[in-house]
Amino acid sequence: MFGALVTINVGDSKTGPKTTRDYVIDLIDQIQHRYSWSDCYLNALPIWRLAEITDALRRHKITATQDWQTKQSYLSWQLTMNITAAMGRKEEYLSFQKYLEAFGVVRARAQDVSLEERRRLNKAEAKRGLAAAARIVELDQKKKLESASN
């Protein structure tokens, strides 16, 4: 079923570029691991059902990653606050919410931030977005020049 897929790079920063075929094989392995389905069963599924299952796996992975990050953040917050208290600097205490905000894990709640602060944050985020877009355009132009010179 998947043998005729076109080979393109979908990119993966950890393991290097993957082809579409490799990507689909990884997804099938994940589905089989999670649901214990055989190849025959998966090949009999309609493509729309595979897409739904893949989307569910993606959402589950995102949720699991966020849960893991929150647990790790809570552990580091507890350690930091205990060390700070042991050193006698209780004035440096942060609530868990403020700790997460300070490290950028979560955004500040709207009611905790004034209108001016929200505007400043939005402008800063817009500047970062524009800088990233400019960098992408620059890299794309360099790539076009390099391919044109070859």
Protein backbone atom coordinates (compact mmCIF):
# COMPACT_ATOMS: atom_id res chain seq x y z
CA MET A 1 0.00 0.00 0.00
CA PHE A 2 2.79 2.45 0.87
CA GLY A 3 5.40 1.26 -1.60
CA ALA A 4 4.54 3.81 -4.29
CA LEU A 5 5.01 6.92 -2.18
CA VAL A 6 7.08 9.72 -3.63
CA THR A 7 10.33 10.34 -1.80
CA ILE A 8 10.58 13.84 -0.33
CA ASN A 9 12.40 15.20 2.66
CA VAL A 10 10.12 15.98 5.58
CA GLY A 11 13.03 16.89 7.85
CA ASP A 12 13.70 15.88 11.40
CA SER A 13 16.30 17.80 13.37
CA LYS A 14 17.16 14.86 15.62
CA THR A 15 17.58 12.02 13.15
CA GLY A 16 18.24 13.88 9.91
CA PRO A 17 15.93 14.16 6.92
CA LYS A 18 13.35 11.42 6.44
CA THR A 19 11.62 10.40 3.28
CA THR A 20 7.84 10.25 3.13
CA ARG A 21 8.07 6.48 3.07
CA ASP A 22 10.20 6.44 6.26
CA TYR A 23 7.77 8.85 7.90
CA VAL A 24 4.78 6.64 7.05
CA ILE A 25 6.62 3.53 8.27
CA ASP A 26 7.30 5.28 11.59
CA LEU A 27 3.62 6.22 11.87
CA ILE A 28 2.56 2.64 11.17
CA ASP A 29 4.96 1.40 13.84
CA GLN A 30 3.51 3.88 16.33
CA ILE A 31 -0.05 2.80 15.49
CA GLN A 32 0.86 -0.88 15.82
CA HIS A 33 2.61 -0.26 19.12
CA ARG A 34 -0.28 1.73 20.57
CA TYR A 35 -3.21 -0.37 19.29
CA SER A 36 -1.52 -3.77 18.68
CA TRP A 37 -2.88 -3.96 15.14
CA SER A 38 -1.30 -6.15 12.45
CA ASP A 39 -0.08 -5.01 9.03
CA CYS A 40 -3.04 -6.76 7.40
CA TYR A 41 -5.49 -4.85 9.57
CA LEU A 42 -3.80 -1.51 8.87
CA ASN A 43 -3.65 -2.15 5.12
CA ALA A 44 -7.40 -2.82 5.14
CA LEU A 45 -8.18 0.54 6.77
CA PRO A 46 -9.31 3.40 4.53
CA ILE A 47 -6.80 6.23 4.17
CA TRP A 48 -9.13 8.71 5.93
CA ARG A 49 -9.15 6.46 8.99
CA LEU A 50 -5.36 6.31 8.98
CA ALA A 51 -5.32 10.11 8.84
CA GLU A 52 -7.66 10.29 11.87
CA ILE A 53 -5.53 7.84 13.82
CA THR A 54 -2.36 9.74 12.91
CA ASP A 55 -3.94 12.99 14.08
CA ALA A 56 -4.98 11.36 17.36
CA LEU A 57 -1.42 10.10 17.86
CA ARG A 58 -0.05 13.58 17.19
CA ARG A 59 -2.43 15.16 19.70
CA HIS A 60 -1.59 12.49 22.29
CA LYS A 61 2.14 13.08 21.79
CA ILE A 62 1.73 16.84 22.22
CA THR A 63 -0.35 16.38 25.38
CA ALA A 64 2.09 13.84 26.80
CA THR A 65 5.02 16.19 26.10
CA GLN A 66 3.24 19.12 27.75
CA ASP A 67 2.41 16.97 30.79
CA TRP A 68 6.03 15.85 31.07
CA GLN A 69 7.27 19.45 30.77
CA THR A 70 4.84 20.60 33.47
CA LYS A 71 5.96 17.82 35.82
CA GLN A 72 9.63 18.66 35.22
CA SER A 73 8.90 22.36 35.73
CA TYR A 74 7.14 21.61 39.02
CA LEU A 75 10.10 19.55 40.21
CA SER A 76 12.59 22.30 39.31
CA TRP A 77 10.34 24.92 40.97
CA GLN A 78 10.23 22.87 44.19
CA LEU A 79 14.00 22.45 44.19
CA THR A 80 14.62 26.13 43.44
CA MET A 81 12.24 27.35 46.13
CA ASN A 82 13.63 24.91 48.73
CA ILE A 83 17.22 25.92 47.99
CA THR A 84 16.24 29.61 48.09
CA ALA A 85 14.48 29.12 51.43
CA ALA A 86 17.40 27.12 52.84
CA MET A 87 19.72 29.99 51.95
CA GLY A 88 17.45 32.39 53.85
CA ARG A 89 16.23 34.38 50.84
CA LYS A 90 12.47 34.05 51.19
CA GLU A 91 11.94 37.40 49.45
CA GLU A 92 12.84 35.68 46.15
CA TYR A 93 9.87 33.30 46.41
CA LEU A 94 7.82 32.90 43.22
CA SER A 95 4.49 31.16 42.86
CA PHE A 96 4.50 28.21 40.47
CA GLN A 97 2.52 30.24 37.91
CA LYS A 98 5.04 33.11 38.05
CA TYR A 99 7.91 30.61 37.80
CA LEU A 100 6.41 29.13 34.61
CA GLU A 101 5.85 32.61 33.20
CA ALA A 102 9.43 33.64 33.99
CA PHE A 103 10.80 30.74 31.97
CA GLY A 104 8.30 31.13 29.17
CA VAL A 105 6.58 27.78 29.74
CA VAL A 106 3.19 29.49 29.91
CA ARG A 107 2.01 32.95 29.06
CA ALA A 108 0.90 35.30 31.76
CA ARG A 109 -2.82 35.20 32.43
CA ALA A 110 -4.69 38.10 30.89
CA GLN A 111 -6.09 39.34 34.20
CA ASP A 112 -2.58 39.46 35.70
CA VAL A 113 -1.21 41.70 32.94
CA SER A 114 -2.15 45.31 32.31
CA LEU A 115 -3.28 46.50 28.89
CA GLU A 116 0.02 48.32 28.30
CA GLU A 117 1.98 45.20 29.22
CA ARG A 118 -0.13 43.07 26.84
CA ARG A 119 0.49 45.58 24.05
CA ARG A 120 4.22 45.54 24.77
CA LEU A 121 4.26 41.73 24.77
CA ASN A 122 2.30 41.60 21.52
CA LYS A 123 4.69 44.09 19.87
CA ALA A 124 7.69 42.10 21.07
CA GLU A 125 6.15 38.86 19.75
CA ALA A 126 5.38 40.54 16.42
CA LYS A 127 8.99 41.76 16.16
CA ARG A 128 10.29 38.25 16.83
CA GLY A 129 7.94 36.87 14.18
CA LEU A 130 9.04 39.45 11.62
CA ALA A 131 12.70 38.80 12.40
CA ALA A 132 12.18 35.05 11.94
CA ALA A 133 10.33 35.65 8.66
CA ALA A 134 13.11 37.94 7.42
CA ARG A 135 15.69 35.28 8.29
CA ILE A 136 13.70 32.63 6.38
CA VAL A 137 13.48 34.91 3.33
CA GLU A 138 17.21 35.60 3.55
CA LEU A 139 18.05 31.90 3.74
CA ASP A 140 15.68 31.17 0.85
CA GLN A 141 17.34 33.84 -1.30
CA LYS A 142 20.79 32.44 -0.49
CA LYS A 143 19.61 28.96 -1.43
CA LYS A 144 18.22 30.25 -4.75
CA LEU A 145 21.48 32.06 -5.51
CA GLU A 146 23.49 28.94 -4.71
CA SER A 147 21.30 26.76 -6.90
CA ALA A 148 21.44 29.32 -9.72
CA SER A 149 25.25 29.46 -9.59
CA ASN A 150 25.52 25.64 -9.75
